Every structure is written in structure tokens, then in C-alpha cells.
């Protein structure tokens, strides 16, 4: 089973009209971390995911969802 994580970070950021750098500064990570998580090239740690959820004031499950890529 190959599982991937989907996310809605870009949508949430654009709704709030904030840049990747502003989000990064708010949760204490680099802009590159936000970029790679947002594009799906990096799976965030639980701590980063929880910080994002807290920042956006939404449940983690509304930002991230597991994509099950079964044959």
C-alpha cells in the first residue's frame, strides 16, 4: 500500500491572503518547508501539522487527508 498526504494549505493561505513566508514565520519554520509541504514533496511532522491547524483555527483533518493509492 502506497499512501500519500493531500493538503489544502495553499487554499487556506490564499483565503487569508498570506504568503508562504508569513505562514512560515507564524509557525516557526522556513518558507521552503511551507513550499515543500504545500506541493506534497514533504510530509510534515505531527508538530508542524498541529501548528498549521492551530494557526488556521481548523482541525488537522480539514488541512490534511490521506490518499490511499491502492492498485
C-alpha atoms as a PDB file:
ATOM      1  CA  UNK A   1       0.000   0.000   0.000  1.00  0.00           C
ATOM      2  CA  UNK A   2       1.379   3.387  -1.043  1.00  0.00           C
ATOM      3  CA  UNK A   3      -0.158   6.235   0.914  1.00  0.00           C
ATOM      4  CA  UNK A   4       0.239   9.917   0.223  1.00  0.00           C
ATOM      5  CA  UNK A   5      -0.889  13.007   2.043  1.00  0.00           C
ATOM      6  CA  UNK A   6      -3.063  15.605   0.346  1.00  0.00           C
ATOM      7  CA  UNK A   7      -3.361  19.102   1.780  1.00  0.00           C
ATOM      8  CA  UNK A   8      -5.264  22.364   1.479  1.00  0.00           C
ATOM      9  CA  UNK A   9      -2.555  24.715   2.702  1.00  0.00           C
ATOM     10  CA  UNK A  10      -2.449  26.814  -0.468  1.00  0.00           C
ATOM     11  CA  UNK A  11      -6.208  27.299  -0.379  1.00  0.00           C
ATOM     12  CA  UNK A  12      -6.154  28.317   3.286  1.00  0.00           C
ATOM     13  CA  UNK A  13      -3.241  30.696   2.714  1.00  0.00           C
ATOM     14  CA  UNK A  14      -4.863  32.408  -0.235  1.00  0.00           C
ATOM     15  CA  UNK A  15      -8.157  32.760   1.621  1.00  0.00           C
ATOM     16  CA  UNK A  16      -6.284  34.555   4.400  1.00  0.00           C
ATOM     17  CA  UNK A  17      -4.168  36.461   1.874  1.00  0.00           C
ATOM     18  CA  UNK A  18      -0.868  35.484   3.465  1.00  0.00           C
ATOM     19  CA  UNK A  19       2.394  34.460   1.854  1.00  0.00           C
ATOM     20  CA  UNK A  20       4.339  31.281   2.444  1.00  0.00           C
ATOM     21  CA  UNK A  21       6.861  33.377   4.366  1.00  0.00           C
ATOM     22  CA  UNK A  22       4.179  34.824   6.647  1.00  0.00           C
ATOM     23  CA  UNK A  23       2.876  31.343   7.442  1.00  0.00           C
ATOM     24  CA  UNK A  24       6.411  30.074   7.982  1.00  0.00           C
ATOM     25  CA  UNK A  25       7.191  32.926  10.380  1.00  0.00           C
ATOM     26  CA  UNK A  26       3.946  32.351  12.285  1.00  0.00           C
ATOM     27  CA  UNK A  27       4.638  28.661  12.940  1.00  0.00           C
ATOM     28  CA  UNK A  28       8.429  28.794  13.223  1.00  0.00           C
ATOM     29  CA  UNK A  29       9.605  27.001  10.084  1.00  0.00           C
ATOM     30  CA  UNK A  30      11.297  28.052   6.853  1.00  0.00           C
ATOM     31  CA  UNK A  31       9.466  29.242   3.751  1.00  0.00           C
ATOM     32  CA  UNK A  32      10.971  26.258   1.939  1.00  0.00           C
ATOM     33  CA  UNK A  33       9.296  23.910   4.434  1.00  0.00           C
ATOM     34  CA  UNK A  34       5.919  25.500   3.710  1.00  0.00           C
ATOM     35  CA  UNK A  35       6.559  25.263  -0.032  1.00  0.00           C
ATOM     36  CA  UNK A  36       7.557  21.596   0.037  1.00  0.00           C
ATOM     37  CA  UNK A  37       4.654  20.616   2.303  1.00  0.00           C
ATOM     38  CA  UNK A  38       2.198  22.636   0.200  1.00  0.00           C
ATOM     39  CA  UNK A  39       3.337  20.953  -3.024  1.00  0.00           C
ATOM     40  CA  UNK A  40       3.332  17.470  -1.495  1.00  0.00           C
ATOM     41  CA  UNK A  41       7.087  16.899  -1.756  1.00  0.00           C
ATOM     42  CA  UNK A  42       7.475  16.709   2.033  1.00  0.00           C
ATOM     43  CA  UNK A  43       5.233  15.181   4.687  1.00  0.00           C
ATOM     44  CA  UNK A  44       5.152  17.449   7.723  1.00  0.00           C
ATOM     45  CA  UNK A  45       5.784  16.242  11.233  1.00  0.00           C
ATOM     46  CA  UNK A  46       2.830  15.995  13.571  1.00  0.00           C
ATOM     47  CA  UNK A  47       4.109  19.112  15.342  1.00  0.00           C
ATOM     48  CA  UNK A  48       4.148  21.159  12.125  1.00  0.00           C
ATOM     49  CA  UNK A  49       0.709  19.861  11.122  1.00  0.00           C
ATOM     50  CA  UNK A  50      -0.698  20.794  14.530  1.00  0.00           C
ATOM     51  CA  UNK A  51       0.885  24.255  14.370  1.00  0.00           C
ATOM     52  CA  UNK A  52      -0.716  24.817  10.969  1.00  0.00           C
ATOM     53  CA  UNK A  53      -4.086  23.689  12.257  1.00  0.00           C
ATOM     54  CA  UNK A  54      -3.783  25.995  15.252  1.00  0.00           C
ATOM     55  CA  UNK A  55      -2.748  28.906  13.038  1.00  0.00           C
ATOM     56  CA  UNK A  56      -5.691  28.419  10.668  1.00  0.00           C
ATOM     57  CA  UNK A  57      -8.025  27.581  13.581  1.00  0.00           C
ATOM     58  CA  UNK A  58      -9.251  24.382  11.949  1.00  0.00           C
ATOM     59  CA  UNK A  59      -8.921  20.657  12.702  1.00  0.00           C
ATOM     60  CA  UNK A  60      -5.848  18.945  11.253  1.00  0.00           C
ATOM     61  CA  UNK A  61      -8.177  16.713   9.219  1.00  0.00           C
ATOM     62  CA  UNK A  62      -9.508  19.727   7.347  1.00  0.00           C
ATOM     63  CA  UNK A  63      -5.972  20.587   6.174  1.00  0.00           C
ATOM     64  CA  UNK A  64      -4.549  17.118   5.551  1.00  0.00           C
ATOM     65  CA  UNK A  65      -6.115  13.966   4.207  1.00  0.00           C
ATOM     66  CA  UNK A  66      -4.649  10.573   3.468  1.00  0.00           C
ATOM     67  CA  UNK A  67      -4.787   9.446  -0.137  1.00  0.00           C
ATOM     68  CA  UNK A  68      -4.795   5.664  -0.383  1.00  0.00           C
ATOM     69  CA  UNK A  69      -3.171   4.716  -3.678  1.00  0.00           C
ATOM     70  CA  UNK A  70      -4.081   1.047  -3.939  1.00  0.00           C
ATOM     71  CA  UNK A  71      -3.781  -0.869  -7.227  1.00  0.00           C
END
